[in-house]
Amino acid sequence: MDDAKGSETDALKETSLSANQDKSEMKRMAWEVEDHNGSDSDPIRGGPMEMSIVIFELASMEIWTFLLRF
């Protein structure tokens, strides 16, 4: 892989969010959630927002962490 500056990437590894464990070694955990009716609401994307009441919620795999070696 080449970046915009022309240097070459030697390695790319996906890790946990804290970058302390390879993704391939991670084990999924089962979470019990109180007052959950079993249905997930669809995210609202785009359009105007009232910033005083905005709540940001990230679902799994919406943040990825990679270690790069140049």
PDB file of N, CA and C in Angstrom:
ATOM      1  N   MET A   1       0.839  -1.189   0.000  1.00  0.00           N
ATOM      2  CA  MET A   1       0.000   0.000   0.000  1.00  0.00           C
ATOM      3  C   MET A   1       0.876   1.243   0.000  1.00  0.00           C
ATOM      4  N   ASP A   2       0.440   2.271  -0.666  1.00  0.00           N
ATOM      5  CA  ASP A   2       1.154   3.539  -0.666  1.00  0.00           C
ATOM      6  C   ASP A   2       0.239   4.618  -0.120  1.00  0.00           C
ATOM      7  N   ASP A   3       0.770   5.491   0.744  1.00  0.00           N
ATOM      8  CA  ASP A   3      -0.033   6.612   1.224  1.00  0.00           C
ATOM      9  C   ASP A   3       0.198   7.819   0.321  1.00  0.00           C
ATOM     10  N   ALA A   4      -0.426   8.937   0.621  1.00  0.00           N
ATOM     11  CA  ALA A   4      -0.362  10.127  -0.220  1.00  0.00           C
ATOM     12  C   ALA A   4       1.048  10.709  -0.303  1.00  0.00           C
ATOM     13  N   LYS A   5       1.888  10.460   0.705  1.00  0.00           N
ATOM     14  CA  LYS A   5       3.244  11.022   0.715  1.00  0.00           C
ATOM     15  C   LYS A   5       4.236  10.131  -0.024  1.00  0.00           C
ATOM     16  N   GLY A   6       3.813   8.967  -0.460  1.00  0.00           N
ATOM     17  CA  GLY A   6       4.677   8.099  -1.223  1.00  0.00           C
ATOM     18  C   GLY A   6       5.409   7.049  -0.422  1.00  0.00           C
ATOM     19  N   SER A   7       5.291   7.031   0.911  1.00  0.00           N
ATOM     20  CA  SER A   7       5.948   5.980   1.687  1.00  0.00           C
ATOM     21  C   SER A   7       5.105   4.713   1.623  1.00  0.00           C
ATOM     22  N   GLU A   8       5.741   3.594   1.812  1.00  0.00           N
ATOM     23  CA  GLU A   8       5.057   2.316   1.677  1.00  0.00           C
ATOM     24  C   GLU A   8       4.682   1.765   3.054  1.00  0.00           C
ATOM     25  N   THR A   9       3.491   1.182   3.151  1.00  0.00           N
ATOM     26  CA  THR A   9       3.029   0.558   4.385  1.00  0.00           C
ATOM     27  C   THR A   9       3.490  -0.891   4.400  1.00  0.00           C
ATOM     28  N   ASP A  10       4.199  -1.287   5.450  1.00  0.00           N
ATOM     29  CA  ASP A  10       4.696  -2.659   5.564  1.00  0.00           C
ATOM     30  C   ASP A  10       3.644  -3.605   6.128  1.00  0.00           C
ATOM     31  N   ALA A  11       2.831  -3.135   7.069  1.00  0.00           N
ATOM     32  CA  ALA A  11       1.859  -4.015   7.704  1.00  0.00           C
ATOM     33  C   ALA A  11       0.621  -3.223   8.118  1.00  0.00           C
ATOM     34  N   LEU A  12      -0.502  -3.905   8.081  1.00  0.00           N
ATOM     35  CA  LEU A  12      -1.785  -3.343   8.506  1.00  0.00           C
ATOM     36  C   LEU A  12      -2.486  -4.413   9.319  1.00  0.00           C
ATOM     37  N   LYS A  13      -2.863  -4.070  10.571  1.00  0.00           N
ATOM     38  CA  LYS A  13      -3.489  -5.052  11.454  1.00  0.00           C
ATOM     39  C   LYS A  13      -4.686  -4.411  12.138  1.00  0.00           C
ATOM     40  N   GLU A  14      -5.856  -5.067  12.054  1.00  0.00           N
ATOM     41  CA  GLU A  14      -7.041  -4.575  12.747  1.00  0.00           C
ATOM     42  C   GLU A  14      -7.009  -5.070  14.184  1.00  0.00           C
ATOM     43  N   THR A  15      -7.313  -4.158  15.129  1.00  0.00           N
ATOM     44  CA  THR A  15      -7.235  -4.485  16.551  1.00  0.00           C
ATOM     45  C   THR A  15      -8.527  -4.107  17.264  1.00  0.00           C
ATOM     46  N   SER A  16      -8.553  -4.379  18.554  1.00  0.00           N
ATOM     47  CA  SER A  16      -9.656  -3.921  19.393  1.00  0.00           C
ATOM     48  C   SER A  16      -9.614  -2.395  19.465  1.00  0.00           C
ATOM     49  N   LEU A  17     -10.667  -1.795  19.982  1.00  0.00           N
ATOM     50  CA  LEU A  17     -10.735  -0.335  20.056  1.00  0.00           C
ATOM     51  C   LEU A  17      -9.568   0.255  20.831  1.00  0.00           C
ATOM     52  N   SER A  18      -9.121  -0.419  21.876  1.00  0.00           N
ATOM     53  CA  SER A  18      -7.991   0.070  22.668  1.00  0.00           C
ATOM     54  C   SER A  18      -6.644  -0.352  22.081  1.00  0.00           C
ATOM     55  N   ALA A  19      -6.663  -1.056  20.950  1.00  0.00           N
ATOM     56  CA  ALA A  19      -5.465  -1.493  20.217  1.00  0.00           C
ATOM     57  C   ALA A  19      -4.568  -2.412  21.035  1.00  0.00           C
ATOM     58  N   ASN A  20      -5.136  -3.163  21.980  1.00  0.00           N
ATOM     59  CA  ASN A  20      -4.307  -4.058  22.786  1.00  0.00           C
ATOM     60  C   ASN A  20      -4.545  -5.535  22.474  1.00  0.00           C
ATOM     61  N   GLN A  21      -5.371  -5.825  21.440  1.00  0.00           N
ATOM     62  CA  GLN A  21      -5.664  -7.207  21.090  1.00  0.00           C
ATOM     63  C   GLN A  21      -5.996  -7.285  19.605  1.00  0.00           C
ATOM     64  N   ASP A  22      -5.443  -8.288  18.921  1.00  0.00           N
ATOM     65  CA  ASP A  22      -5.785  -8.502  17.519  1.00  0.00           C
ATOM     66  C   ASP A  22      -7.267  -8.831  17.394  1.00  0.00           C
ATOM     67  N   LYS A  23      -7.897  -8.329  16.354  1.00  0.00           N
ATOM     68  CA  LYS A  23      -9.322  -8.601  16.143  1.00  0.00           C
ATOM     69  C   LYS A  23      -9.563 -10.102  15.986  1.00  0.00           C
ATOM     70  N   SER A  24      -8.640 -10.800  15.354  1.00  0.00           N
ATOM     71  CA  SER A  24      -8.797 -12.238  15.138  1.00  0.00           C
ATOM     72  C   SER A  24      -8.797 -13.033  16.446  1.00  0.00           C
ATOM     73  N   GLU A  25      -8.266 -12.460  17.526  1.00  0.00           N
ATOM     74  CA  GLU A  25      -8.201 -13.138  18.820  1.00  0.00           C
ATOM     75  C   GLU A  25      -9.330 -12.729  19.764  1.00  0.00           C
ATOM     76  N   MET A  26     -10.131 -11.774  19.363  1.00  0.00           N
ATOM     77  CA  MET A  26     -11.184 -11.265  20.242  1.00  0.00           C
ATOM     78  C   MET A  26     -12.341 -12.252  20.332  1.00  0.00           C
ATOM     79  N   LYS A  27     -12.969 -12.301  21.504  1.00  0.00           N
ATOM     80  CA  LYS A  27     -14.156 -13.128  21.725  1.00  0.00           C
ATOM     81  C   LYS A  27     -15.343 -12.201  21.963  1.00  0.00           C
ATOM     82  N   ARG A  28     -16.449 -12.475  21.286  1.00  0.00           N
ATOM     83  CA  ARG A  28     -17.642 -11.651  21.441  1.00  0.00           C
ATOM     84  C   ARG A  28     -18.301 -11.940  22.789  1.00  0.00           C
ATOM     85  N   MET A  29     -18.787 -10.898  23.420  1.00  0.00           N
ATOM     86  CA  MET A  29     -19.454 -11.045  24.710  1.00  0.00           C
ATOM     87  C   MET A  29     -20.957 -10.892  24.528  1.00  0.00           C
ATOM     88  N   ALA A  30     -21.723 -11.623  25.307  1.00  0.00           N
ATOM     89  CA  ALA A  30     -23.182 -11.493  25.296  1.00  0.00           C
ATOM     90  C   ALA A  30     -23.570 -10.544  26.425  1.00  0.00           C
ATOM     91  N   TRP A  31     -24.325  -9.503  26.090  1.00  0.00           N
ATOM     92  CA  TRP A  31     -24.729  -8.505  27.073  1.00  0.00           C
ATOM     93  C   TRP A  31     -26.214  -8.626  27.340  1.00  0.00           C
ATOM     94  N   GLU A  32     -26.575  -8.571  28.606  1.00  0.00           N
ATOM     95  CA  GLU A  32     -27.984  -8.529  28.979  1.00  0.00           C
ATOM     96  C   GLU A  32     -28.349  -7.068  29.196  1.00  0.00           C
ATOM     97  N   VAL A  33     -29.400  -6.627  28.535  1.00  0.00           N
ATOM     98  CA  VAL A  33     -29.804  -5.228  28.603  1.00  0.00           C
ATOM     99  C   VAL A  33     -31.179  -5.142  29.267  1.00  0.00           C
ATOM    100  N   GLU A  34     -31.271  -4.323  30.300  1.00  0.00           N
ATOM    101  CA  GLU A  34     -32.544  -4.143  30.986  1.00  0.00           C
ATOM    102  C   GLU A  34     -33.476  -3.299  30.133  1.00  0.00           C
ATOM    103  N   ASP A  35     -34.759  -3.571  30.223  1.00  0.00           N
ATOM    104  CA  ASP A  35     -35.799  -2.806  29.536  1.00  0.00           C
ATOM    105  C   ASP A  35     -35.570  -2.728  28.029  1.00  0.00           C
ATOM    106  N   HIS A  36     -35.100  -3.800  27.438  1.00  0.00           N
ATOM    107  CA  HIS A  36     -34.885  -3.839  25.989  1.00  0.00           C
ATOM    108  C   HIS A  36     -35.976  -4.720  25.393  1.00  0.00           C
ATOM    109  N   ASN A  37     -36.717  -4.185  24.438  1.00  0.00           N
ATOM    110  CA  ASN A  37     -37.838  -4.934  23.875  1.00  0.00           C
ATOM    111  C   ASN A  37     -37.438  -5.853  22.724  1.00  0.00           C
ATOM    112  N   GLY A  38     -36.145  -5.957  22.425  1.00  0.00           N
ATOM    113  CA  GLY A  38     -35.688  -6.885  21.413  1.00  0.00           C
ATOM    114  C   GLY A  38     -35.622  -6.327  20.007  1.00  0.00           C
ATOM    115  N   SER A  39     -36.139  -5.143  19.772  1.00  0.00           N
ATOM    116  CA  SER A  39     -36.065  -4.571  18.430  1.00  0.00           C
ATOM    117  C   SER A  39     -35.128  -3.371  18.442  1.00  0.00           C
ATOM    118  N   ASP A  40     -34.321  -3.286  17.423  1.00  0.00           N
ATOM    119  CA  ASP A  40     -33.393  -2.164  17.285  1.00  0.00           C
ATOM    120  C   ASP A  40     -34.039  -1.106  16.411  1.00  0.00           C
ATOM    121  N   SER A  41     -33.940   0.143  16.826  1.00  0.00           N
ATOM    122  CA  SER A  41     -34.478   1.215  16.003  1.00  0.00           C
ATOM    123  C   SER A  41     -33.498   1.546  14.889  1.00  0.00           C
ATOM    124  N   ASP A  42     -34.011   1.984  13.765  1.00  0.00           N
ATOM    125  CA  ASP A  42     -33.165   2.378  12.651  1.00  0.00           C
ATOM    126  C   ASP A  42     -32.503   3.711  12.965  1.00  0.00           C
ATOM    127  N   PRO A  43     -31.218   3.841  12.636  1.00  0.00           N
ATOM    128  CA  PRO A  43     -30.542   5.120  12.881  1.00  0.00           C
ATOM    129  C   PRO A  43     -31.079   6.202  11.954  1.00  0.00           C
ATOM    130  N   ILE A  44     -31.076   7.428  12.436  1.00  0.00           N
ATOM    131  CA  ILE A  44     -31.477   8.566  11.626  1.00  0.00           C
ATOM    132  C   ILE A  44     -30.211   9.150  11.024  1.00  0.00           C
ATOM    133  N   ARG A  45     -30.156   9.231   9.716  1.00  0.00           N
ATOM    134  CA  ARG A  45     -28.951   9.721   9.042  1.00  0.00           C
ATOM    135  C   ARG A  45     -29.332  10.894   8.163  1.00  0.00           C
ATOM    136  N   GLY A  46     -28.549  11.968   8.272  1.00  0.00           N
ATOM    137  CA  GLY A  46     -28.769  13.150   7.450  1.00  0.00           C
ATOM    138  C   GLY A  46     -29.927  13.994   7.956  1.00  0.00           C
ATOM    139  N   GLY A  47     -30.125  15.139   7.374  1.00  0.00           N
ATOM    140  CA  GLY A  47     -31.220  16.024   7.756  1.00  0.00           C
ATOM    141  C   GLY A  47     -30.856  16.922   8.915  1.00  0.00           C
ATOM    142  N   PRO A  48     -31.701  17.905   9.172  1.00  0.00           N
ATOM    143  CA  PRO A  48     -31.429  18.859  10.260  1.00  0.00           C
ATOM    144  C   PRO A  48     -31.573  18.203  11.640  1.00  0.00           C
ATOM    145  N   MET A  49     -30.792  18.720  12.613  1.00  0.00           N
ATOM    146  CA  MET A  49     -30.843  18.200  13.977  1.00  0.00           C
ATOM    147  C   MET A  49     -30.921  19.346  14.968  1.00  0.00           C
ATOM    148  N   GLU A  50     -31.575  19.117  16.067  1.00  0.00           N
ATOM    149  CA  GLU A  50     -31.591  20.067  17.179  1.00  0.00           C
ATOM    150  C   GLU A  50     -30.428  19.663  18.092  1.00  0.00           C
ATOM    151  N   MET A  51     -29.336  20.427  18.052  1.00  0.00           N
ATOM    152  CA  MET A  51     -28.107  20.038  18.741  1.00  0.00           C
ATOM    153  C   MET A  51     -28.251  19.970  20.263  1.00  0.00           C
ATOM    154  N   SER A  52     -29.229  20.625  20.839  1.00  0.00           N
ATOM    155  CA  SER A  52     -29.373  20.580  22.293  1.00  0.00           C
ATOM    156  C   SER A  52     -29.928  19.238  22.781  1.00  0.00           C
ATOM    157  N   ILE A  53     -30.473  18.415  21.882  1.00  0.00           N
ATOM    158  CA  ILE A  53     -31.040  17.134  22.291  1.00  0.00           C
ATOM    159  C   ILE A  53     -30.411  15.940  21.557  1.00  0.00           C
ATOM    160  N   VAL A  54     -29.297  16.159  20.887  1.00  0.00           N
ATOM    161  CA  VAL A  54     -28.660  15.096  20.115  1.00  0.00           C
ATOM    162  C   VAL A  54     -27.972  14.103  21.041  1.00  0.00           C
ATOM    163  N   ILE A  55     -28.207  12.825  20.793  1.00  0.00           N
ATOM    164  CA  ILE A  55     -27.527  11.757  21.507  1.00  0.00           C
ATOM    165  C   ILE A  55     -26.833  10.907  20.448  1.00  0.00           C
ATOM    166  N   PHE A  56     -25.525  10.740  20.576  1.00  0.00           N
ATOM    167  CA  PHE A  56     -24.769   9.933  19.632  1.00  0.00           C
ATOM    168  C   PHE A  56     -24.656   8.525  20.176  1.00  0.00           C
ATOM    169  N   GLU A  57     -25.034   7.560  19.376  1.00  0.00           N
ATOM    170  CA  GLU A  57     -24.950   6.165  19.773  1.00  0.00           C
ATOM    171  C   GLU A  57     -24.234   5.409  18.667  1.00  0.00           C
ATOM    172  N   LEU A  58     -23.180   4.710  19.035  1.00  0.00           N
ATOM    173  CA  LEU A  58     -22.416   3.939  18.068  1.00  0.00           C
ATOM    174  C   LEU A  58     -22.750   2.466  18.210  1.00  0.00           C
ATOM    175  N   ALA A  59     -22.994   1.837  17.089  1.00  0.00           N
ATOM    176  CA  ALA A  59     -23.246   0.402  17.082  1.00  0.00           C
ATOM    177  C   ALA A  59     -21.924  -0.330  16.858  1.00  0.00           C
ATOM    178  N   SER A  60     -21.958  -1.636  17.001  1.00  0.00           N
ATOM    179  CA  SER A  60     -20.735  -2.400  16.788  1.00  0.00           C
ATOM    180  C   SER A  60     -20.243  -2.213  15.356  1.00  0.00           C
ATOM    181  N   MET A  61     -18.950  -2.207  15.209  1.00  0.00           N
ATOM    182  CA  MET A  61     -18.258  -2.066  13.935  1.00  0.00           C
ATOM    183  C   MET A  61     -18.401  -0.687  13.296  1.00  0.00           C
ATOM    184  N   GLU A  62     -18.809   0.321  14.051  1.00  0.00           N
ATOM    185  CA  GLU A  62     -18.845   1.682  13.526  1.00  0.00           C
ATOM    186  C   GLU A  62     -17.562   2.445  13.857  1.00  0.00           C
ATOM    187  N   ILE A  63     -16.732   1.876  14.702  1.00  0.00           N
ATOM    188  CA  ILE A  63     -15.389   2.413  14.951  1.00  0.00           C
ATOM    189  C   ILE A  63     -14.415   1.271  14.727  1.00  0.00           C
ATOM    190  N   TRP A  64     -13.457   1.478  13.872  1.00  0.00           N
ATOM    191  CA  TRP A  64     -12.428   0.481  13.626  1.00  0.00           C
ATOM    192  C   TRP A  64     -11.083   1.041  14.050  1.00  0.00           C
ATOM    193  N   THR A  65     -10.202   0.167  14.542  1.00  0.00           N
ATOM    194  CA  THR A  65      -8.881   0.559  14.952  1.00  0.00           C
ATOM    195  C   THR A  65      -7.861  -0.298  14.213  1.00  0.00           C
ATOM    196  N   PHE A  66      -6.890   0.353  13.612  1.00  0.00           N
ATOM    197  CA  PHE A  66      -5.850  -0.348  12.869  1.00  0.00           C
ATOM    198  C   PHE A  66      -4.481   0.083  13.350  1.00  0.00           C
ATOM    199  N   LEU A  67      -3.528  -0.822  13.324  1.00  0.00           N
ATOM    200  CA  LEU A  67      -2.127  -0.502  13.558  1.00  0.00           C
ATOM    201  C   LEU A  67      -1.427  -0.580  12.210  1.00  0.00           C
ATOM    202  N   LEU A  68      -0.715   0.474  11.863  1.00  0.00           N
ATOM    203  CA  LEU A  68       0.028   0.533  10.596  1.00  0.00           C
ATOM    204  C   LEU A  68       1.514   0.556  10.897  1.00  0.00           C
ATOM    205  N   ARG A  69       2.276  -0.165  10.106  1.00  0.00           N
ATOM    206  CA  ARG A  69       3.733  -0.099  10.207  1.00  0.00           C
ATOM    207  C   ARG A  69       4.280   0.359   8.862  1.00  0.00           C
ATOM    208  N   PHE A  70       5.090   1.416   8.901  1.00  0.00           N
ATOM    209  CA  PHE A  70       5.678   1.964   7.684  1.00  0.00           C
ATOM    210  C   PHE A  70       7.133   1.573   7.581  1.00  0.00           C
TER     211      PHE A  70
END
